[in-house]
Amino acid sequence: MEIDIKNIATDLAYKLGGVLTLVTVVIYSLDYKLFLNPLIGMGSGIAIIVFGTYSIIQSKKENSGFISFSEAFKSYFITISLGYLIGSIVTILVFV
């Protein structure tokens, strides 16, 4: 049961990292001043929250409709932390 939650969370984390990477590379290639646009920052924040929430929903479906708080937190935290880590590493590589 816990292995399934980790698999779901890491799969969605890789997708979130890919989305954040794609956004960073596209913005950098178009115009680097777009990084200062608050709407793009809010869009990235909303995407991060949506991926985390979707991770909880998928984990809940995998466990027959019931999930404890600790399992939901693990699912959310793994998705957000790993996805944001991937996006941050790519951002560092692009700017350095």
C-alpha atoms as a PDB file:
ATOM      1  CA  MET A   1       0.000   0.000   0.000  1.00  0.00           C
ATOM      2  CA  GLU A   2       2.707   2.504   0.947  1.00  0.00           C
ATOM      3  CA  ILE A   3       4.817   1.537  -2.049  1.00  0.00           C
ATOM      4  CA  ASP A   4       1.907   2.394  -4.343  1.00  0.00           C
ATOM      5  CA  ILE A   5       1.632   5.848  -2.767  1.00  0.00           C
ATOM      6  CA  LYS A   6       5.343   6.465  -3.276  1.00  0.00           C
ATOM      7  CA  ASN A   7       5.143   5.294  -6.892  1.00  0.00           C
ATOM      8  CA  ILE A   8       2.185   7.578  -7.611  1.00  0.00           C
ATOM      9  CA  ALA A   9       3.870  10.514  -5.887  1.00  0.00           C
ATOM     10  CA  THR A  10       7.206  10.097  -7.665  1.00  0.00           C
ATOM     11  CA  ASP A  11       5.515   9.682 -11.050  1.00  0.00           C
ATOM     12  CA  LEU A  12       3.609  12.929 -10.568  1.00  0.00           C
ATOM     13  CA  ALA A  13       6.738  14.601  -9.194  1.00  0.00           C
ATOM     14  CA  TYR A  14       8.612  13.824 -12.402  1.00  0.00           C
ATOM     15  CA  LYS A  15       5.743  15.305 -14.398  1.00  0.00           C
ATOM     16  CA  LEU A  16       5.713  18.415 -12.184  1.00  0.00           C
ATOM     17  CA  GLY A  17       9.473  18.765 -12.592  1.00  0.00           C
ATOM     18  CA  GLY A  18       9.038  18.501 -16.356  1.00  0.00           C
ATOM     19  CA  VAL A  19       6.366  21.201 -16.371  1.00  0.00           C
ATOM     20  CA  LEU A  20       8.489  23.538 -14.245  1.00  0.00           C
ATOM     21  CA  THR A  21      11.514  22.808 -16.443  1.00  0.00           C
ATOM     22  CA  LEU A  22       9.547  23.502 -19.598  1.00  0.00           C
ATOM     23  CA  VAL A  23       8.206  26.779 -18.222  1.00  0.00           C
ATOM     24  CA  THR A  24      11.680  27.902 -17.167  1.00  0.00           C
ATOM     25  CA  VAL A  25      13.308  27.061 -20.493  1.00  0.00           C
ATOM     26  CA  VAL A  26      10.524  28.651 -22.563  1.00  0.00           C
ATOM     27  CA  ILE A  27      10.511  31.851 -20.506  1.00  0.00           C
ATOM     28  CA  TYR A  28      14.294  32.079 -20.627  1.00  0.00           C
ATOM     29  CA  SER A  29      14.330  31.572 -24.393  1.00  0.00           C
ATOM     30  CA  LEU A  30      11.573  34.144 -25.046  1.00  0.00           C
ATOM     31  CA  ASP A  31      12.466  36.967 -22.685  1.00  0.00           C
ATOM     32  CA  TYR A  32      14.165  36.701 -19.310  1.00  0.00           C
ATOM     33  CA  LYS A  33      12.166  39.699 -18.030  1.00  0.00           C
ATOM     34  CA  LEU A  34       9.102  37.445 -17.913  1.00  0.00           C
ATOM     35  CA  PHE A  35      10.502  35.918 -14.725  1.00  0.00           C
ATOM     36  CA  LEU A  36       9.473  39.143 -12.995  1.00  0.00           C
ATOM     37  CA  ASN A  37       5.851  38.823 -14.139  1.00  0.00           C
ATOM     38  CA  PRO A  38       3.702  38.027 -11.090  1.00  0.00           C
ATOM     39  CA  LEU A  39       1.078  36.216 -13.149  1.00  0.00           C
ATOM     40  CA  ILE A  40       3.610  33.642 -14.301  1.00  0.00           C
ATOM     41  CA  GLY A  41       4.778  33.144 -10.720  1.00  0.00           C
ATOM     42  CA  MET A  42       1.206  32.657  -9.537  1.00  0.00           C
ATOM     43  CA  GLY A  43       0.603  30.233 -12.393  1.00  0.00           C
ATOM     44  CA  SER A  44       3.567  28.149 -11.321  1.00  0.00           C
ATOM     45  CA  GLY A  45       2.357  28.206  -7.722  1.00  0.00           C
ATOM     46  CA  ILE A  46      -1.112  27.104  -8.744  1.00  0.00           C
ATOM     47  CA  ALA A  47       0.376  24.298 -10.871  1.00  0.00           C
ATOM     48  CA  ILE A  48       2.386  23.084  -7.877  1.00  0.00           C
ATOM     49  CA  ILE A  49      -0.706  23.008  -5.646  1.00  0.00           C
ATOM     50  CA  VAL A  50      -2.771  21.265  -8.338  1.00  0.00           C
ATOM     51  CA  PHE A  51      -0.153  18.539  -8.815  1.00  0.00           C
ATOM     52  CA  GLY A  52       0.009  17.950  -5.049  1.00  0.00           C
ATOM     53  CA  THR A  53      -3.748  17.777  -4.720  1.00  0.00           C
ATOM     54  CA  TYR A  54      -3.999  15.428  -7.690  1.00  0.00           C
ATOM     55  CA  SER A  55      -1.391  13.224  -6.045  1.00  0.00           C
ATOM     56  CA  ILE A  56      -3.568  12.934  -2.946  1.00  0.00           C
ATOM     57  CA  ILE A  57      -6.635  12.140  -5.050  1.00  0.00           C
ATOM     58  CA  GLN A  58      -4.796   9.409  -6.966  1.00  0.00           C
ATOM     59  CA  SER A  59      -3.434   7.917  -3.744  1.00  0.00           C
ATOM     60  CA  LYS A  60      -6.930   7.914  -2.273  1.00  0.00           C
ATOM     61  CA  LYS A  61      -8.278   6.075  -5.327  1.00  0.00           C
ATOM     62  CA  GLU A  62      -5.494   3.502  -5.030  1.00  0.00           C
ATOM     63  CA  ASN A  63      -6.418   2.785  -1.395  1.00  0.00           C
ATOM     64  CA  SER A  64     -10.130   2.093  -2.001  1.00  0.00           C
ATOM     65  CA  GLY A  65     -11.328   5.585  -1.118  1.00  0.00           C
ATOM     66  CA  PHE A  66      -9.654   5.915   2.283  1.00  0.00           C
ATOM     67  CA  ILE A  67      -6.352   7.537   3.106  1.00  0.00           C
ATOM     68  CA  SER A  68      -4.952   8.629   6.449  1.00  0.00           C
ATOM     69  CA  PHE A  69      -3.531  12.067   7.067  1.00  0.00           C
ATOM     70  CA  SER A  70       0.042  10.774   7.202  1.00  0.00           C
ATOM     71  CA  GLU A  71      -0.331   8.963   3.860  1.00  0.00           C
ATOM     72  CA  ALA A  72      -1.886  12.041   2.263  1.00  0.00           C
ATOM     73  CA  PHE A  73       0.899  14.216   3.633  1.00  0.00           C
ATOM     74  CA  LYS A  74       3.559  11.817   2.322  1.00  0.00           C
ATOM     75  CA  SER A  75       1.971  11.798  -1.101  1.00  0.00           C
ATOM     76  CA  TYR A  76       1.712  15.581  -1.233  1.00  0.00           C
ATOM     77  CA  PHE A  77       5.167  16.214   0.196  1.00  0.00           C
ATOM     78  CA  ILE A  78       6.978  13.756  -2.074  1.00  0.00           C
ATOM     79  CA  THR A  79       5.283  15.187  -5.149  1.00  0.00           C
ATOM     80  CA  ILE A  80       5.981  18.807  -4.308  1.00  0.00           C
ATOM     81  CA  SER A  81       9.508  18.423  -2.958  1.00  0.00           C
ATOM     82  CA  LEU A  82      10.840  16.165  -5.714  1.00  0.00           C
ATOM     83  CA  GLY A  83       9.134  18.132  -8.495  1.00  0.00           C
ATOM     84  CA  TYR A  84      10.365  21.450  -7.174  1.00  0.00           C
ATOM     85  CA  LEU A  85      13.864  20.021  -6.709  1.00  0.00           C
ATOM     86  CA  ILE A  86      13.986  18.986 -10.370  1.00  0.00           C
ATOM     87  CA  GLY A  87      12.727  22.399 -11.454  1.00  0.00           C
ATOM     88  CA  SER A  88      15.253  24.178  -9.245  1.00  0.00           C
ATOM     89  CA  ILE A  89      18.193  22.143 -10.522  1.00  0.00           C
ATOM     90  CA  VAL A  90      17.259  22.925 -14.116  1.00  0.00           C
ATOM     91  CA  THR A  91      16.835  26.615 -13.264  1.00  0.00           C
ATOM     92  CA  ILE A  92      20.312  26.677 -11.715  1.00  0.00           C
ATOM     93  CA  LEU A  93      21.779  24.949 -14.761  1.00  0.00           C
ATOM     94  CA  VAL A  94      20.079  27.393 -17.142  1.00  0.00           C
ATOM     95  CA  PHE A  95      21.305  30.492 -15.337  1.00  0.00           C
ATOM     96  CA  VAL A  96      24.818  29.250 -14.581  1.00  0.00           C
END
